[in-house]
Amino acid sequence: MAGIFDLVDSMVAQELGVDEKTYIQVIEHECTYWEAQFIIGAMFEEGNDARKERARTIFNQYVDKKDKGS
């Protein structure tokens, strides 16, 4: 059953424009549970670009923070 979760991770990472390792690090260790749920859910919504963009902003704040060494 782990295969389905790997596929979801891959799909969401691709939507966010990052590699799977970065995606998993941010989702599992950097952001809150509720932010992770929002990000993942938003990437599967169709026709709600504003929600997807907000999810990307939330996700990228952790990527940017990580890149700066904080």
PDB file of N, CA and C in Angstrom:
ATOM      1  N   MET A   1       0.815  -1.205   0.000  1.00  0.00           N
ATOM      2  CA  MET A   1       0.000   0.000   0.000  1.00  0.00           C
ATOM      3  C   MET A   1       0.853   1.260   0.000  1.00  0.00           C
ATOM      4  N   ALA A   2       2.086   1.152   0.411  1.00  0.00           N
ATOM      5  CA  ALA A   2       2.957   2.330   0.446  1.00  0.00           C
ATOM      6  C   ALA A   2       3.133   2.928  -0.942  1.00  0.00           C
ATOM      7  N   GLY A   3       2.944   2.151  -1.980  1.00  0.00           N
ATOM      8  CA  GLY A   3       3.107   2.638  -3.344  1.00  0.00           C
ATOM      9  C   GLY A   3       2.197   3.806  -3.676  1.00  0.00           C
ATOM     10  N   ILE A   4       0.967   3.785  -3.172  1.00  0.00           N
ATOM     11  CA  ILE A   4       0.031   4.872  -3.455  1.00  0.00           C
ATOM     12  C   ILE A   4       0.505   6.175  -2.817  1.00  0.00           C
ATOM     13  N   PHE A   5       1.072   6.075  -1.614  1.00  0.00           N
ATOM     14  CA  PHE A   5       1.561   7.279  -0.938  1.00  0.00           C
ATOM     15  C   PHE A   5       2.801   7.827  -1.644  1.00  0.00           C
ATOM     16  N   ASP A   6       3.636   6.948  -2.144  1.00  0.00           N
ATOM     17  CA  ASP A   6       4.796   7.384  -2.925  1.00  0.00           C
ATOM     18  C   ASP A   6       4.346   8.125  -4.182  1.00  0.00           C
ATOM     19  N   LEU A   7       3.307   7.614  -4.808  1.00  0.00           N
ATOM     20  CA  LEU A   7       2.768   8.247  -6.003  1.00  0.00           C
ATOM     21  C   LEU A   7       2.202   9.631  -5.683  1.00  0.00           C
ATOM     22  N   VAL A   8       1.463   9.733  -4.584  1.00  0.00           N
ATOM     23  CA  VAL A   8       0.909  11.030  -4.165  1.00  0.00           C
ATOM     24  C   VAL A   8       2.040  12.014  -3.879  1.00  0.00           C
ATOM     25  N   ASP A   9       3.059  11.561  -3.144  1.00  0.00           N
ATOM     26  CA  ASP A   9       4.213  12.427  -2.858  1.00  0.00           C
ATOM     27  C   ASP A   9       4.839  12.931  -4.145  1.00  0.00           C
ATOM     28  N   SER A  10       5.014  12.040  -5.098  1.00  0.00           N
ATOM     29  CA  SER A  10       5.623  12.397  -6.373  1.00  0.00           C
ATOM     30  C   SER A  10       4.768  13.420  -7.130  1.00  0.00           C
ATOM     31  N   MET A  11       3.463  13.195  -7.142  1.00  0.00           N
ATOM     32  CA  MET A  11       2.559  14.086  -7.870  1.00  0.00           C
ATOM     33  C   MET A  11       2.528  15.484  -7.236  1.00  0.00           C
ATOM     34  N   VAL A  12       2.439  15.550  -5.916  1.00  0.00           N
ATOM     35  CA  VAL A  12       2.371  16.849  -5.245  1.00  0.00           C
ATOM     36  C   VAL A  12       3.697  17.588  -5.385  1.00  0.00           C
ATOM     37  N   ALA A  13       4.807  16.868  -5.241  1.00  0.00           N
ATOM     38  CA  ALA A  13       6.122  17.493  -5.408  1.00  0.00           C
ATOM     39  C   ALA A  13       6.253  18.094  -6.806  1.00  0.00           C
ATOM     40  N   GLN A  14       5.787  17.357  -7.794  1.00  0.00           N
ATOM     41  CA  GLN A  14       5.848  17.849  -9.173  1.00  0.00           C
ATOM     42  C   GLN A  14       4.987  19.104  -9.337  1.00  0.00           C
ATOM     43  N   GLU A  15       3.789  19.104  -8.761  1.00  0.00           N
ATOM     44  CA  GLU A  15       2.918  20.289  -8.818  1.00  0.00           C
ATOM     45  C   GLU A  15       3.570  21.502  -8.167  1.00  0.00           C
ATOM     46  N   LEU A  16       4.330  21.255  -7.096  1.00  0.00           N
ATOM     47  CA  LEU A  16       4.987  22.349  -6.381  1.00  0.00           C
ATOM     48  C   LEU A  16       6.310  22.756  -7.025  1.00  0.00           C
ATOM     49  N   GLY A  17       6.800  21.946  -7.942  1.00  0.00           N
ATOM     50  CA  GLY A  17       8.030  22.279  -8.655  1.00  0.00           C
ATOM     51  C   GLY A  17       9.296  21.998  -7.866  1.00  0.00           C
ATOM     52  N   VAL A  18       9.241  20.992  -6.986  1.00  0.00           N
ATOM     53  CA  VAL A  18      10.418  20.617  -6.199  1.00  0.00           C
ATOM     54  C   VAL A  18      10.649  19.111  -6.318  1.00  0.00           C
ATOM     55  N   ASP A  19      11.842  18.679  -5.882  1.00  0.00           N
ATOM     56  CA  ASP A  19      12.104  17.243  -5.876  1.00  0.00           C
ATOM     57  C   ASP A  19      11.387  16.612  -4.675  1.00  0.00           C
ATOM     58  N   GLU A  20      11.217  15.297  -4.721  1.00  0.00           N
ATOM     59  CA  GLU A  20      10.484  14.589  -3.674  1.00  0.00           C
ATOM     60  C   GLU A  20      11.150  14.724  -2.305  1.00  0.00           C
ATOM     61  N   LYS A  21      12.462  14.717  -2.272  1.00  0.00           N
ATOM     62  CA  LYS A  21      13.180  14.822  -0.997  1.00  0.00           C
ATOM     63  C   LYS A  21      12.848  16.144  -0.303  1.00  0.00           C
ATOM     64  N   THR A  22      12.873  17.242  -1.049  1.00  0.00           N
ATOM     65  CA  THR A  22      12.540  18.552  -0.489  1.00  0.00           C
ATOM     66  C   THR A  22      11.088  18.588  -0.041  1.00  0.00           C
ATOM     67  N   TYR A  23      10.212  18.065  -0.865  1.00  0.00           N
ATOM     68  CA  TYR A  23       8.785  18.020  -0.539  1.00  0.00           C
ATOM     69  C   TYR A  23       8.546  17.277   0.777  1.00  0.00           C
ATOM     70  N   ILE A  24       9.107  16.090   0.899  1.00  0.00           N
ATOM     71  CA  ILE A  24       8.911  15.274   2.099  1.00  0.00           C
ATOM     72  C   ILE A  24       9.497  15.964   3.321  1.00  0.00           C
ATOM     73  N   GLN A  25      10.657  16.565   3.183  1.00  0.00           N
ATOM     74  CA  GLN A  25      11.287  17.278   4.306  1.00  0.00           C
ATOM     75  C   GLN A  25      10.382  18.387   4.825  1.00  0.00           C
ATOM     76  N   VAL A  26       9.860  19.183   3.924  1.00  0.00           N
ATOM     77  CA  VAL A  26       9.009  20.308   4.327  1.00  0.00           C
ATOM     78  C   VAL A  26       7.699  19.801   4.924  1.00  0.00           C
ATOM     79  N   ILE A  27       7.042  18.868   4.258  1.00  0.00           N
ATOM     80  CA  ILE A  27       5.739  18.375   4.709  1.00  0.00           C
ATOM     81  C   ILE A  27       5.847  17.646   6.048  1.00  0.00           C
ATOM     82  N   GLU A  28       6.858  16.838   6.208  1.00  0.00           N
ATOM     83  CA  GLU A  28       6.964  16.023   7.418  1.00  0.00           C
ATOM     84  C   GLU A  28       7.671  16.708   8.587  1.00  0.00           C
ATOM     85  N   HIS A  29       8.539  17.691   8.300  1.00  0.00           N
ATOM     86  CA  HIS A  29       9.363  18.240   9.380  1.00  0.00           C
ATOM     87  C   HIS A  29       9.293  19.747   9.563  1.00  0.00           C
ATOM     88  N   GLU A  30       8.894  20.475   8.558  1.00  0.00           N
ATOM     89  CA  GLU A  30       8.963  21.940   8.637  1.00  0.00           C
ATOM     90  C   GLU A  30       7.610  22.594   8.907  1.00  0.00           C
ATOM     91  N   CYS A  31       6.615  22.262   8.142  1.00  0.00           N
ATOM     92  CA  CYS A  31       5.330  22.951   8.283  1.00  0.00           C
ATOM     93  C   CYS A  31       4.442  22.249   9.313  1.00  0.00           C
ATOM     94  N   THR A  32       3.372  22.930   9.691  1.00  0.00           N
ATOM     95  CA  THR A  32       2.443  22.349  10.652  1.00  0.00           C
ATOM     96  C   THR A  32       1.583  21.291   9.966  1.00  0.00           C
ATOM     97  N   TYR A  33       0.915  20.496  10.772  1.00  0.00           N
ATOM     98  CA  TYR A  33       0.000  19.474  10.249  1.00  0.00           C
ATOM     99  C   TYR A  33      -1.061  20.121   9.359  1.00  0.00           C
ATOM    100  N   TRP A  34      -1.633  21.214   9.833  1.00  0.00           N
ATOM    101  CA  TRP A  34      -2.715  21.867   9.081  1.00  0.00           C
ATOM    102  C   TRP A  34      -2.212  22.489   7.786  1.00  0.00           C
ATOM    103  N   GLU A  35      -1.015  23.040   7.809  1.00  0.00           N
ATOM    104  CA  GLU A  35      -0.433  23.569   6.566  1.00  0.00           C
ATOM    105  C   GLU A  35      -0.203  22.435   5.574  1.00  0.00           C
ATOM    106  N   ALA A  36       0.316  21.314   6.052  1.00  0.00           N
ATOM    107  CA  ALA A  36       0.556  20.161   5.173  1.00  0.00           C
ATOM    108  C   ALA A  36      -0.752  19.690   4.544  1.00  0.00           C
ATOM    109  N   GLN A  37      -1.808  19.597   5.332  1.00  0.00           N
ATOM    110  CA  GLN A  37      -3.109  19.172   4.809  1.00  0.00           C
ATOM    111  C   GLN A  37      -3.622  20.153   3.757  1.00  0.00           C
ATOM    112  N   PHE A  38      -3.454  21.431   4.023  1.00  0.00           N
ATOM    113  CA  PHE A  38      -3.894  22.457   3.079  1.00  0.00           C
ATOM    114  C   PHE A  38      -3.116  22.353   1.765  1.00  0.00           C
ATOM    115  N   ILE A  39      -1.803  22.240   1.866  1.00  0.00           N
ATOM    116  CA  ILE A  39      -0.946  22.171   0.680  1.00  0.00           C
ATOM    117  C   ILE A  39      -1.309  20.966  -0.180  1.00  0.00           C
ATOM    118  N   ILE A  40      -1.384  19.806   0.439  1.00  0.00           N
ATOM    119  CA  ILE A  40      -1.682  18.577  -0.306  1.00  0.00           C
ATOM    120  C   ILE A  40      -3.079  18.657  -0.923  1.00  0.00           C
ATOM    121  N   GLY A  41      -4.056  19.079  -0.143  1.00  0.00           N
ATOM    122  CA  GLY A  41      -5.419  19.180  -0.654  1.00  0.00           C
ATOM    123  C   GLY A  41      -5.547  20.160  -1.806  1.00  0.00           C
ATOM    124  N   ALA A  42      -4.876  21.287  -1.696  1.00  0.00           N
ATOM    125  CA  ALA A  42      -4.960  22.317  -2.737  1.00  0.00           C
ATOM    126  C   ALA A  42      -4.392  21.830  -4.065  1.00  0.00           C
ATOM    127  N   MET A  43      -3.362  21.010  -4.014  1.00  0.00           N
ATOM    128  CA  MET A  43      -2.738  20.539  -5.252  1.00  0.00           C
ATOM    129  C   MET A  43      -3.643  19.597  -6.040  1.00  0.00           C
ATOM    130  N   PHE A  44      -4.660  19.027  -5.385  1.00  0.00           N
ATOM    131  CA  PHE A  44      -5.581  18.121  -6.070  1.00  0.00           C
ATOM    132  C   PHE A  44      -6.873  18.796  -6.504  1.00  0.00           C
ATOM    133  N   GLU A  45      -7.047  20.064  -6.152  1.00  0.00           N
ATOM    134  CA  GLU A  45      -8.246  20.790  -6.561  1.00  0.00           C
ATOM    135  C   GLU A  45      -8.102  21.267  -7.997  1.00  0.00           C
ATOM    136  N   GLU A  46      -9.170  21.162  -8.709  1.00  0.00           N
ATOM    137  CA  GLU A  46      -9.174  21.659 -10.082  1.00  0.00           C
ATOM    138  C   GLU A  46      -9.938  22.970 -10.129  1.00  0.00           C
ATOM    139  N   GLY A  47      -9.424  23.921 -10.865  1.00  0.00           N
ATOM    140  CA  GLY A  47     -10.124  25.174 -11.079  1.00  0.00           C
ATOM    141  C   GLY A  47     -10.036  26.174  -9.943  1.00  0.00           C
ATOM    142  N   ASN A  48      -9.194  25.926  -8.966  1.00  0.00           N
ATOM    143  CA  ASN A  48      -9.048  26.881  -7.867  1.00  0.00           C
ATOM    144  C   ASN A  48      -7.585  27.314  -7.799  1.00  0.00           C
ATOM    145  N   ASP A  49      -7.196  28.099  -8.778  1.00  0.00           N
ATOM    146  CA  ASP A  49      -5.797  28.519  -8.880  1.00  0.00           C
ATOM    147  C   ASP A  49      -5.357  29.395  -7.709  1.00  0.00           C
ATOM    148  N   ALA A  50      -6.262  30.173  -7.151  1.00  0.00           N
ATOM    149  CA  ALA A  50      -5.907  31.033  -6.016  1.00  0.00           C
ATOM    150  C   ALA A  50      -5.518  30.180  -4.808  1.00  0.00           C
ATOM    151  N   ARG A  51      -6.238  29.115  -4.575  1.00  0.00           N
ATOM    152  CA  ARG A  51      -5.929  28.215  -3.454  1.00  0.00           C
ATOM    153  C   ARG A  51      -4.594  27.510  -3.694  1.00  0.00           C
ATOM    154  N   LYS A  52      -4.346  27.087  -4.932  1.00  0.00           N
ATOM    155  CA  LYS A  52      -3.068  26.456  -5.257  1.00  0.00           C
ATOM    156  C   LYS A  52      -1.913  27.433  -5.054  1.00  0.00           C
ATOM    157  N   GLU A  53      -2.112  28.659  -5.457  1.00  0.00           N
ATOM    158  CA  GLU A  53      -1.056  29.663  -5.308  1.00  0.00           C
ATOM    159  C   GLU A  53      -0.784  29.946  -3.834  1.00  0.00           C
ATOM    160  N   ARG A  54      -1.826  29.996  -3.024  1.00  0.00           N
ATOM    161  CA  ARG A  54      -1.649  30.194  -1.575  1.00  0.00           C
ATOM    162  C   ARG A  54      -0.890  29.009  -0.974  1.00  0.00           C
ATOM    163  N   ALA A  55      -1.206  27.806  -1.418  1.00  0.00           N
ATOM    164  CA  ALA A  55      -0.506  26.611  -0.937  1.00  0.00           C
ATOM    165  C   ALA A  55       0.970  26.666  -1.324  1.00  0.00           C
ATOM    166  N   ARG A  56       1.250  27.089  -2.542  1.00  0.00           N
ATOM    167  CA  ARG A  56       2.643  27.218  -2.985  1.00  0.00           C
ATOM    168  C   ARG A  56       3.392  28.254  -2.136  1.00  0.00           C
ATOM    169  N   THR A  57       2.724  29.350  -1.824  1.00  0.00           N
ATOM    170  CA  THR A  57       3.342  30.387  -0.995  1.00  0.00           C
ATOM    171  C   THR A  57       3.691  29.842   0.383  1.00  0.00           C
ATOM    172  N   ILE A  58       2.756  29.134   0.984  1.00  0.00           N
ATOM    173  CA  ILE A  58       3.011  28.534   2.302  1.00  0.00           C
ATOM    174  C   ILE A  58       4.176  27.552   2.207  1.00  0.00           C
ATOM    175  N   PHE A  59       4.144  26.678   1.215  1.00  0.00           N
ATOM    176  CA  PHE A  59       5.200  25.678   1.057  1.00  0.00           C
ATOM    177  C   PHE A  59       6.551  26.349   0.824  1.00  0.00           C
ATOM    178  N   ASN A  60       6.581  27.315  -0.066  1.00  0.00           N
ATOM    179  CA  ASN A  60       7.847  27.961  -0.433  1.00  0.00           C
ATOM    180  C   ASN A  60       8.472  28.770   0.696  1.00  0.00           C
ATOM    181  N   GLN A  61       7.675  29.236   1.649  1.00  0.00           N
ATOM    182  CA  GLN A  61       8.267  29.948   2.782  1.00  0.00           C
ATOM    183  C   GLN A  61       9.196  29.024   3.559  1.00  0.00           C
ATOM    184  N   TYR A  62       8.887  27.745   3.601  1.00  0.00           N
ATOM    185  CA  TYR A  62       9.745  26.782   4.294  1.00  0.00           C
ATOM    186  C   TYR A  62      10.947  26.391   3.441  1.00  0.00           C
ATOM    187  N   VAL A  63      10.761  26.317   2.133  1.00  0.00           N
ATOM    188  CA  VAL A  63      11.879  26.020   1.228  1.00  0.00           C
ATOM    189  C   VAL A  63      12.874  27.166   1.266  1.00  0.00           C
ATOM    190  N   ASP A  64      12.374  28.407   1.200  1.00  0.00           N
ATOM    191  CA  ASP A  64      13.240  29.585   1.238  1.00  0.00           C
ATOM    192  C   ASP A  64      14.000  29.663   2.563  1.00  0.00           C
ATOM    193  N   LYS A  65      13.310  29.377   3.657  1.00  0.00           N
ATOM    194  CA  LYS A  65      13.920  29.400   4.979  1.00  0.00           C
ATOM    195  C   LYS A  65      15.026  28.356   5.064  1.00  0.00           C
ATOM    196  N   LYS A  66      14.766  27.173   4.527  1.00  0.00           N
ATOM    197  CA  LYS A  66      15.744  26.082   4.529  1.00  0.00           C
ATOM    198  C   LYS A  66      16.964  26.443   3.664  1.00  0.00           C
ATOM    199  N   ASP A  67      16.725  27.057   2.508  1.00  0.00           N
ATOM    200  CA  ASP A  67      17.805  27.445   1.603  1.00  0.00           C
ATOM    201  C   ASP A  67      18.712  28.504   2.219  1.00  0.00           C
ATOM    202  N   LYS A  68      18.142  29.355   3.077  1.00  0.00           N
ATOM    203  CA  LYS A  68      18.918  30.414   3.716  1.00  0.00           C
ATOM    204  C   LYS A  68      19.677  29.916   4.924  1.00  0.00           C
ATOM    205  N   GLY A  69      19.472  28.634   5.281  1.00  0.00           N
ATOM    206  CA  GLY A  69      20.211  28.057   6.396  1.00  0.00           C
ATOM    207  C   GLY A  69      19.608  28.306   7.752  1.00  0.00           C
ATOM    208  N   SER A  70      18.376  28.766   7.790  1.00  0.00           N
ATOM    209  CA  SER A  70      17.722  29.045   9.080  1.00  0.00           C
ATOM    210  C   SER A  70      17.139  27.786   9.664  1.00  0.00           C
TER     211      SER A  70
END
